[in-house]
PDB file of N, CA and C in Angstrom:
ATOM      1  N   UNK A   1       1.887 -12.041  -3.193  1.00  0.00           N
ATOM      2  CA  UNK A   1       1.686 -12.113  -1.862  1.00  0.00           C
ATOM      3  C   UNK A   1       1.023 -10.797  -1.465  1.00  0.00           C
ATOM      4  N   UNK A   2      -0.006 -10.770  -0.718  1.00  0.00           N
ATOM      5  CA  UNK A   2      -0.510  -9.461  -0.087  1.00  0.00           C
ATOM      6  C   UNK A   2       0.028  -9.458   1.404  1.00  0.00           C
ATOM      7  N   UNK A   3       0.077  -8.086   1.708  1.00  0.00           N
ATOM      8  CA  UNK A   3       0.536  -7.936   3.098  1.00  0.00           C
ATOM      9  C   UNK A   3      -0.617  -7.149   3.879  1.00  0.00           C
ATOM     10  N   UNK A   4      -0.592  -7.415   5.165  1.00  0.00           N
ATOM     11  CA  UNK A   4      -1.550  -6.850   6.036  1.00  0.00           C
ATOM     12  C   UNK A   4      -1.437  -5.512   6.575  1.00  0.00           C
ATOM     13  N   UNK A   5      -2.292  -4.686   6.508  1.00  0.00           N
ATOM     14  CA  UNK A   5      -2.268  -3.324   7.212  1.00  0.00           C
ATOM     15  C   UNK A   5      -3.354  -3.318   8.296  1.00  0.00           C
ATOM     16  N   UNK A   6      -2.989  -2.592   9.405  1.00  0.00           N
ATOM     17  CA  UNK A   6      -3.943  -2.649  10.538  1.00  0.00           C
ATOM     18  C   UNK A   6      -4.650  -1.175  10.572  1.00  0.00           C
ATOM     19  N   UNK A   7      -5.912  -1.377  10.832  1.00  0.00           N
ATOM     20  CA  UNK A   7      -6.855  -0.194  11.061  1.00  0.00           C
ATOM     21  C   UNK A   7      -7.259  -0.206  12.534  1.00  0.00           C
ATOM     22  N   UNK A   8      -6.787   0.728  13.323  1.00  0.00           N
ATOM     23  CA  UNK A   8      -7.156   0.933  14.581  1.00  0.00           C
ATOM     24  C   UNK A   8      -8.454   1.666  14.560  1.00  0.00           C
ATOM     25  N   UNK A   9      -9.540   1.171  15.301  1.00  0.00           N
ATOM     26  CA  UNK A   9     -10.960   1.741  15.116  1.00  0.00           C
ATOM     27  C   UNK A   9     -11.684   1.309  16.256  1.00  0.00           C
ATOM     28  N   UNK A  10     -12.961   1.763  16.237  1.00  0.00           N
ATOM     29  CA  UNK A  10     -13.884   1.285  17.283  1.00  0.00           C
ATOM     30  C   UNK A  10     -15.304   1.463  16.822  1.00  0.00           C
ATOM     31  N   UNK A  11     -16.172   0.756  17.409  1.00  0.00           N
ATOM     32  CA  UNK A  11     -17.630   0.751  16.798  1.00  0.00           C
ATOM     33  C   UNK A  11     -18.237   2.248  16.893  1.00  0.00           C
ATOM     34  N   UNK A  12     -18.906   2.435  15.700  1.00  0.00           N
ATOM     35  CA  UNK A  12     -19.697   3.658  15.657  1.00  0.00           C
ATOM     36  C   UNK A  12     -18.747   5.006  15.233  1.00  0.00           C
ATOM     37  N   UNK A  13     -17.541   4.613  14.798  1.00  0.00           N
ATOM     38  CA  UNK A  13     -16.573   5.654  14.330  1.00  0.00           C
ATOM     39  C   UNK A  13     -16.766   6.017  12.983  1.00  0.00           C
ATOM     40  N   UNK A  14     -17.416   7.234  12.670  1.00  0.00           N
ATOM     41  CA  UNK A  14     -17.787   7.516  11.392  1.00  0.00           C
ATOM     42  C   UNK A  14     -16.485   7.882  10.483  1.00  0.00           C
ATOM     43  N   UNK A  15     -15.441   8.493  11.232  1.00  0.00           N
ATOM     44  CA  UNK A  15     -14.189   8.796  10.452  1.00  0.00           C
ATOM     45  C   UNK A  15     -13.532   7.401  10.071  1.00  0.00           C
ATOM     46  N   UNK A  16     -13.501   6.360  10.860  1.00  0.00           N
ATOM     47  CA  UNK A  16     -13.054   5.190  10.624  1.00  0.00           C
ATOM     48  C   UNK A  16     -13.674   4.611   9.408  1.00  0.00           C
ATOM     49  N   UNK A  17     -14.944   4.850   9.055  1.00  0.00           N
ATOM     50  CA  UNK A  17     -15.603   4.305   7.812  1.00  0.00           C
ATOM     51  C   UNK A  17     -15.054   5.062   6.687  1.00  0.00           C
ATOM     52  N   UNK A  18     -14.966   6.416   6.933  1.00  0.00           N
ATOM     53  CA  UNK A  18     -14.256   7.312   5.823  1.00  0.00           C
ATOM     54  C   UNK A  18     -12.865   6.794   5.487  1.00  0.00           C
ATOM     55  N   UNK A  19     -12.168   6.426   6.468  1.00  0.00           N
ATOM     56  CA  UNK A  19     -10.832   5.909   6.274  1.00  0.00           C
ATOM     57  C   UNK A  19     -10.679   4.671   5.371  1.00  0.00           C
ATOM     58  N   UNK A  20     -11.813   3.829   5.812  1.00  0.00           N
ATOM     59  CA  UNK A  20     -11.684   2.484   5.084  1.00  0.00           C
ATOM     60  C   UNK A  20     -12.096   2.710   3.757  1.00  0.00           C
ATOM     61  N   UNK A  21     -13.080   3.717   3.262  1.00  0.00           N
ATOM     62  CA  UNK A  21     -13.406   3.964   1.936  1.00  0.00           C
ATOM     63  C   UNK A  21     -12.253   4.502   1.122  1.00  0.00           C
ATOM     64  N   UNK A  22     -11.390   5.214   1.858  1.00  0.00           N
ATOM     65  CA  UNK A  22     -10.170   5.750   1.281  1.00  0.00           C
ATOM     66  C   UNK A  22      -9.167   4.454   0.993  1.00  0.00           C
ATOM     67  N   UNK A  23      -9.157   3.597   1.939  1.00  0.00           N
ATOM     68  CA  UNK A  23      -7.994   2.472   1.930  1.00  0.00           C
ATOM     69  C   UNK A  23      -8.419   1.543   0.797  1.00  0.00           C
ATOM     70  N   UNK A  24      -9.676   1.247   0.485  1.00  0.00           N
ATOM     71  CA  UNK A  24      -9.965   0.025  -0.341  1.00  0.00           C
ATOM     72  C   UNK A  24      -9.280   0.164  -1.892  1.00  0.00           C
ATOM     73  N   UNK A  25      -9.425   1.429  -2.473  1.00  0.00           N
ATOM     74  CA  UNK A  25      -8.752   1.511  -3.724  1.00  0.00           C
ATOM     75  C   UNK A  25      -7.185   1.389  -3.602  1.00  0.00           C
ATOM     76  N   UNK A  26      -6.626   1.807  -2.607  1.00  0.00           N
ATOM     77  CA  UNK A  26      -5.169   1.642  -2.363  1.00  0.00           C
ATOM     78  C   UNK A  26      -4.827   0.153  -2.153  1.00  0.00           C
ATOM     79  N   UNK A  27      -5.793  -0.541  -1.447  1.00  0.00           N
ATOM     80  CA  UNK A  27      -5.402  -1.977  -1.207  1.00  0.00           C
ATOM     81  C   UNK A  27      -5.563  -2.827  -2.386  1.00  0.00           C
ATOM     82  N   UNK A  28      -6.471  -2.377  -3.277  1.00  0.00           N
ATOM     83  CA  UNK A  28      -6.630  -3.099  -4.582  1.00  0.00           C
ATOM     84  C   UNK A  28      -5.275  -2.848  -5.405  1.00  0.00           C
ATOM     85  N   UNK A  29      -4.881  -1.551  -5.416  1.00  0.00           N
ATOM     86  CA  UNK A  29      -3.653  -1.411  -6.278  1.00  0.00           C
ATOM     87  C   UNK A  29      -2.441  -1.965  -5.590  1.00  0.00           C
ATOM     88  N   UNK A  30      -2.312  -1.980  -4.311  1.00  0.00           N
ATOM     89  CA  UNK A  30      -0.995  -2.546  -3.754  1.00  0.00           C
ATOM     90  C   UNK A  30      -1.216  -3.901  -3.259  1.00  0.00           C
ATOM     91  N   UNK A  31      -2.211  -4.591  -3.474  1.00  0.00           N
ATOM     92  CA  UNK A  31      -2.555  -5.889  -2.970  1.00  0.00           C
ATOM     93  C   UNK A  31      -2.254  -5.969  -1.436  1.00  0.00           C
ATOM     94  N   UNK A  32      -3.179  -5.191  -0.708  1.00  0.00           N
ATOM     95  CA  UNK A  32      -3.178  -5.218   0.627  1.00  0.00           C
ATOM     96  C   UNK A  32      -4.459  -5.866   1.309  1.00  0.00           C
ATOM     97  N   UNK A  33      -4.243  -6.383   2.436  1.00  0.00           N
ATOM     98  CA  UNK A  33      -5.403  -6.935   3.338  1.00  0.00           C
ATOM     99  C   UNK A  33      -5.424  -5.870   4.471  1.00  0.00           C
ATOM    100  N   UNK A  34      -6.766  -5.810   4.972  1.00  0.00           N
ATOM    101  CA  UNK A  34      -6.952  -4.989   6.191  1.00  0.00           C
ATOM    102  C   UNK A  34      -7.363  -5.698   7.376  1.00  0.00           C
ATOM    103  N   UNK A  35      -6.652  -5.530   8.506  1.00  0.00           N
ATOM    104  CA  UNK A  35      -7.093  -6.045   9.799  1.00  0.00           C
ATOM    105  C   UNK A  35      -7.531  -4.969  10.717  1.00  0.00           C
ATOM    106  N   UNK A  36      -8.829  -5.172  11.020  1.00  0.00           N
ATOM    107  CA  UNK A  36      -9.339  -4.098  11.939  1.00  0.00           C
ATOM    108  C   UNK A  36      -9.085  -4.450  13.531  1.00  0.00           C
ATOM    109  N   UNK A  37      -8.579  -3.419  14.095  1.00  0.00           N
ATOM    110  CA  UNK A  37      -8.386  -3.780  15.600  1.00  0.00           C
ATOM    111  C   UNK A  37      -9.206  -2.729  16.469  1.00  0.00           C
ATOM    112  N   UNK A  38     -10.195  -3.125  17.189  1.00  0.00           N
ATOM    113  CA  UNK A  38     -11.021  -2.347  17.995  1.00  0.00           C
ATOM    114  C   UNK A  38     -10.236  -1.945  19.229  1.00  0.00           C
ATOM    115  N   UNK A  39      -9.972  -0.538  19.400  1.00  0.00           N
ATOM    116  CA  UNK A  39      -9.137  -0.183  20.479  1.00  0.00           C
ATOM    117  C   UNK A  39     -10.060  -0.370  21.779  1.00  0.00           C
ATOM    118  N   UNK A  40     -11.264  -0.457  21.815  1.00  0.00           N
ATOM    119  CA  UNK A  40     -11.957  -0.560  22.927  1.00  0.00           C
ATOM    120  C   UNK A  40     -11.733  -1.949  23.791  1.00  0.00           C
ATOM    121  N   UNK A  41     -11.065  -2.831  23.075  1.00  0.00           N
ATOM    122  CA  UNK A  41     -10.821  -4.111  23.670  1.00  0.00           C
ATOM    123  C   UNK A  41      -9.394  -4.140  24.438  1.00  0.00           C
ATOM    124  N   UNK A  42      -8.712  -3.015  24.369  1.00  0.00           N
ATOM    125  CA  UNK A  42      -7.407  -2.846  25.360  1.00  0.00           C
ATOM    126  C   UNK A  42      -7.309  -1.460  25.827  1.00  0.00           C
ATOM    127  N   UNK A  43      -7.151  -1.459  27.118  1.00  0.00           N
ATOM    128  CA  UNK A  43      -6.897  -0.146  27.772  1.00  0.00           C
ATOM    129  C   UNK A  43      -5.594   0.609  27.314  1.00  0.00           C
ATOM    130  N   UNK A  44      -4.704  -0.179  26.954  1.00  0.00           N
ATOM    131  CA  UNK A  44      -3.371   0.412  26.286  1.00  0.00           C
ATOM    132  C   UNK A  44      -3.682   1.025  24.944  1.00  0.00           C
ATOM    133  N   UNK A  45      -4.532   0.367  24.146  1.00  0.00           N
ATOM    134  CA  UNK A  45      -4.912   0.924  22.750  1.00  0.00           C
ATOM    135  C   UNK A  45      -5.888   2.021  22.970  1.00  0.00           C
ATOM    136  N   UNK A  46      -6.615   2.132  23.954  1.00  0.00           N
ATOM    137  CA  UNK A  46      -7.614   3.358  24.176  1.00  0.00           C
ATOM    138  C   UNK A  46      -6.621   4.428  24.439  1.00  0.00           C
ATOM    139  N   UNK A  47      -5.755   4.244  25.418  1.00  0.00           N
ATOM    140  CA  UNK A  47      -4.854   5.446  25.813  1.00  0.00           C
ATOM    141  C   UNK A  47      -4.022   5.764  24.798  1.00  0.00           C
ATOM    142  N   UNK A  48      -3.488   5.082  23.954  1.00  0.00           N
ATOM    143  CA  UNK A  48      -2.579   5.354  22.766  1.00  0.00           C
ATOM    144  C   UNK A  48      -3.247   5.902  21.664  1.00  0.00           C
ATOM    145  N   UNK A  49      -4.481   5.422  21.148  1.00  0.00           N
ATOM    146  CA  UNK A  49      -5.279   5.669  20.011  1.00  0.00           C
ATOM    147  C   UNK A  49      -6.541   6.522  20.357  1.00  0.00           C
ATOM    148  N   UNK A  50      -6.940   6.641  21.532  1.00  0.00           N
ATOM    149  CA  UNK A  50      -8.410   7.308  21.752  1.00  0.00           C
ATOM    150  C   UNK A  50      -8.709   8.504  21.171  1.00  0.00           C
ATOM    151  N   UNK A  51      -7.916   9.478  20.871  1.00  0.00           N
ATOM    152  CA  UNK A  51      -8.302  10.677  20.321  1.00  0.00           C
ATOM    153  C   UNK A  51      -7.521  10.667  18.821  1.00  0.00           C
ATOM    154  N   UNK A  52      -6.965   9.750  18.402  1.00  0.00           N
ATOM    155  CA  UNK A  52      -6.357   9.833  17.192  1.00  0.00           C
ATOM    156  C   UNK A  52      -6.918   8.827  15.967  1.00  0.00           C
ATOM    157  N   UNK A  53      -7.822   7.997  16.362  1.00  0.00           N
ATOM    158  CA  UNK A  53      -8.369   6.984  15.460  1.00  0.00           C
ATOM    159  C   UNK A  53      -9.215   7.753  14.441  1.00  0.00           C
ATOM    160  N   UNK A  54      -9.272   7.436  13.238  1.00  0.00           N
ATOM    161  CA  UNK A  54      -8.769   6.154  12.719  1.00  0.00           C
ATOM    162  C   UNK A  54      -7.123   6.334  12.396  1.00  0.00           C
ATOM    163  N   UNK A  55      -6.465   5.194  12.732  1.00  0.00           N
ATOM    164  CA  UNK A  55      -5.124   5.143  12.509  1.00  0.00           C
ATOM    165  C   UNK A  55      -4.798   3.914  11.740  1.00  0.00           C
ATOM    166  N   UNK A  56      -3.921   3.964  10.571  1.00  0.00           N
ATOM    167  CA  UNK A  56      -3.667   2.811   9.756  1.00  0.00           C
ATOM    168  C   UNK A  56      -2.138   2.718   9.984  1.00  0.00           C
ATOM    169  N   UNK A  57      -1.773   1.412  10.355  1.00  0.00           N
ATOM    170  CA  UNK A  57      -0.372   1.045  10.663  1.00  0.00           C
ATOM    171  C   UNK A  57       0.048  -0.116   9.863  1.00  0.00           C
ATOM    172  N   UNK A  58       1.268  -0.191   9.534  1.00  0.00           N
ATOM    173  CA  UNK A  58       1.990  -1.273   8.823  1.00  0.00           C
ATOM    174  C   UNK A  58       2.406  -2.151   9.903  1.00  0.00           C
ATOM    175  N   UNK A  59       2.694  -3.384   9.455  1.00  0.00           N
ATOM    176  CA  UNK A  59       3.277  -4.612  10.499  1.00  0.00           C
ATOM    177  C   UNK A  59       4.580  -4.139  11.062  1.00  0.00           C
ATOM    178  N   UNK A  60       5.284  -3.224  10.285  1.00  0.00           N
ATOM    179  CA  UNK A  60       6.641  -2.636  10.749  1.00  0.00           C
ATOM    180  C   UNK A  60       6.500  -1.565  11.711  1.00  0.00           C
ATOM    181  N   UNK A  61       5.210  -1.025  11.934  1.00  0.00           N
ATOM    182  CA  UNK A  61       5.075  -0.170  13.075  1.00  0.00           C
ATOM    183  C   UNK A  61       4.785   1.458  12.533  1.00  0.00           C
ATOM    184  N   UNK A  62       5.071   1.693  11.252  1.00  0.00           N
ATOM    185  CA  UNK A  62       4.825   2.855  10.605  1.00  0.00           C
ATOM    186  C   UNK A  62       3.151   3.215  10.748  1.00  0.00           C
ATOM    187  N   UNK A  63       2.982   4.447  11.089  1.00  0.00           N
ATOM    188  CA  UNK A  63       1.454   4.808  11.282  1.00  0.00           C
ATOM    189  C   UNK A  63       1.200   6.060  10.610  1.00  0.00           C
ATOM    190  N   UNK A  64      -0.122   6.251  10.148  1.00  0.00           N
ATOM    191  CA  UNK A  64      -0.621   7.415   9.550  1.00  0.00           C
ATOM    192  C   UNK A  64      -2.044   7.676  10.233  1.00  0.00           C
ATOM    193  N   UNK A  65      -2.103   8.836  10.962  1.00  0.00           N
ATOM    194  CA  UNK A  65      -3.331   9.109  11.886  1.00  0.00           C
ATOM    195  C   UNK A  65      -4.240  10.090  10.971  1.00  0.00           C
ATOM    196  N   UNK A  66      -5.406   9.974  11.215  1.00  0.00           N
ATOM    197  CA  UNK A  66      -6.424  10.903  10.663  1.00  0.00           C
ATOM    198  C   UNK A  66      -6.223  12.281  11.062  1.00  0.00           C
ATOM    199  N   UNK A  67      -6.257  13.260  10.325  1.00  0.00           N
ATOM    200  CA  UNK A  67      -6.915  13.204   8.945  1.00  0.00           C
ATOM    201  C   UNK A  67      -5.798  12.912   7.865  1.00  0.00           C
ATOM    202  N   UNK A  68      -6.279  12.329   6.799  1.00  0.00           N
ATOM    203  CA  UNK A  68      -5.458  12.065   5.574  1.00  0.00           C
ATOM    204  C   UNK A  68      -6.514  11.759   4.418  1.00  0.00           C
ATOM    205  N   UNK A  69      -5.882  12.116   3.155  1.00  0.00           N
ATOM    206  CA  UNK A  69      -6.766  11.910   2.119  1.00  0.00           C
ATOM    207  C   UNK A  69      -6.180  10.752   1.343  1.00  0.00           C
ATOM    208  N   UNK A  70      -6.784  10.408   0.273  1.00  0.00           N
ATOM    209  CA  UNK A  70      -6.366   9.104  -0.422  1.00  0.00           C
ATOM    210  C   UNK A  70      -4.859   9.335  -0.968  1.00  0.00           C
ATOM    211  N   UNK A  71      -4.537  10.510  -1.571  1.00  0.00           N
ATOM    212  CA  UNK A  71      -3.151  10.615  -2.012  1.00  0.00           C
ATOM    213  C   UNK A  71      -2.220  10.370  -1.009  1.00  0.00           C
ATOM    214  N   UNK A  72      -2.423  11.023   0.133  1.00  0.00           N
ATOM    215  CA  UNK A  72      -1.563  10.868   1.326  1.00  0.00           C
ATOM    216  C   UNK A  72      -1.388   9.365   1.844  1.00  0.00           C
ATOM    217  N   UNK A  73      -2.628   8.740   1.712  1.00  0.00           N
ATOM    218  CA  UNK A  73      -2.543   7.394   2.435  1.00  0.00           C
ATOM    219  C   UNK A  73      -1.848   6.436   1.203  1.00  0.00           C
ATOM    220  N   UNK A  74      -2.110   6.681   0.026  1.00  0.00           N
ATOM    221  CA  UNK A  74      -1.340   5.781  -1.013  1.00  0.00           C
ATOM    222  C   UNK A  74       0.116   5.981  -0.935  1.00  0.00           C
ATOM    223  N   UNK A  75       0.627   7.340  -0.708  1.00  0.00           N
ATOM    224  CA  UNK A  75       2.001   7.711  -0.613  1.00  0.00           C
ATOM    225  C   UNK A  75       2.561   6.998   0.588  1.00  0.00           C
ATOM    226  N   UNK A  76       1.857   7.018   1.770  1.00  0.00           N
ATOM    227  CA  UNK A  76       2.302   6.356   3.137  1.00  0.00           C
ATOM    228  C   UNK A  76       2.421   4.865   2.830  1.00  0.00           C
ATOM    229  N   UNK A  77       1.507   4.173   2.242  1.00  0.00           N
ATOM    230  CA  UNK A  77       1.388   2.650   1.863  1.00  0.00           C
ATOM    231  C   UNK A  77       2.518   2.365   0.941  1.00  0.00           C
ATOM    232  N   UNK A  78       2.726   3.186  -0.062  1.00  0.00           N
ATOM    233  CA  UNK A  78       3.968   2.871  -1.030  1.00  0.00           C
ATOM    234  C   UNK A  78       5.186   3.012  -0.278  1.00  0.00           C
ATOM    235  N   UNK A  79       5.391   4.032   0.386  1.00  0.00           N
ATOM    236  CA  UNK A  79       6.741   4.361   0.985  1.00  0.00           C
ATOM    237  C   UNK A  79       7.073   3.394   2.188  1.00  0.00           C
ATOM    238  N   UNK A  80       6.066   2.602   2.675  1.00  0.00           N
ATOM    239  CA  UNK A  80       6.272   1.678   3.685  1.00  0.00           C
ATOM    240  C   UNK A  80       6.123   0.121   3.268  1.00  0.00           C
ATOM    241  N   UNK A  81       6.367  -0.087   1.986  1.00  0.00           N
ATOM    242  CA  UNK A  81       6.162  -1.485   1.362  1.00  0.00           C
ATOM    243  C   UNK A  81       7.273  -2.330   2.000  1.00  0.00           C
TER     244      UNK A  81
END
């Protein structure tokens, strides 16, 4: 069974594209699905994540904000299984 991880993003975010490219190998290894949430659709999310995106979050609320590399992301995802 795969679990879902959230990517807080917005249109035209080149850093978010980089984060996704780092995420996919981790997703394959850990059997994760990615749910993208556009922060522009919520004033609360813009306030919370406007200068931090991309942010990857678990369903339990643990978050890793940019900048991160693939080893850091993999470690975060493994430690929050």
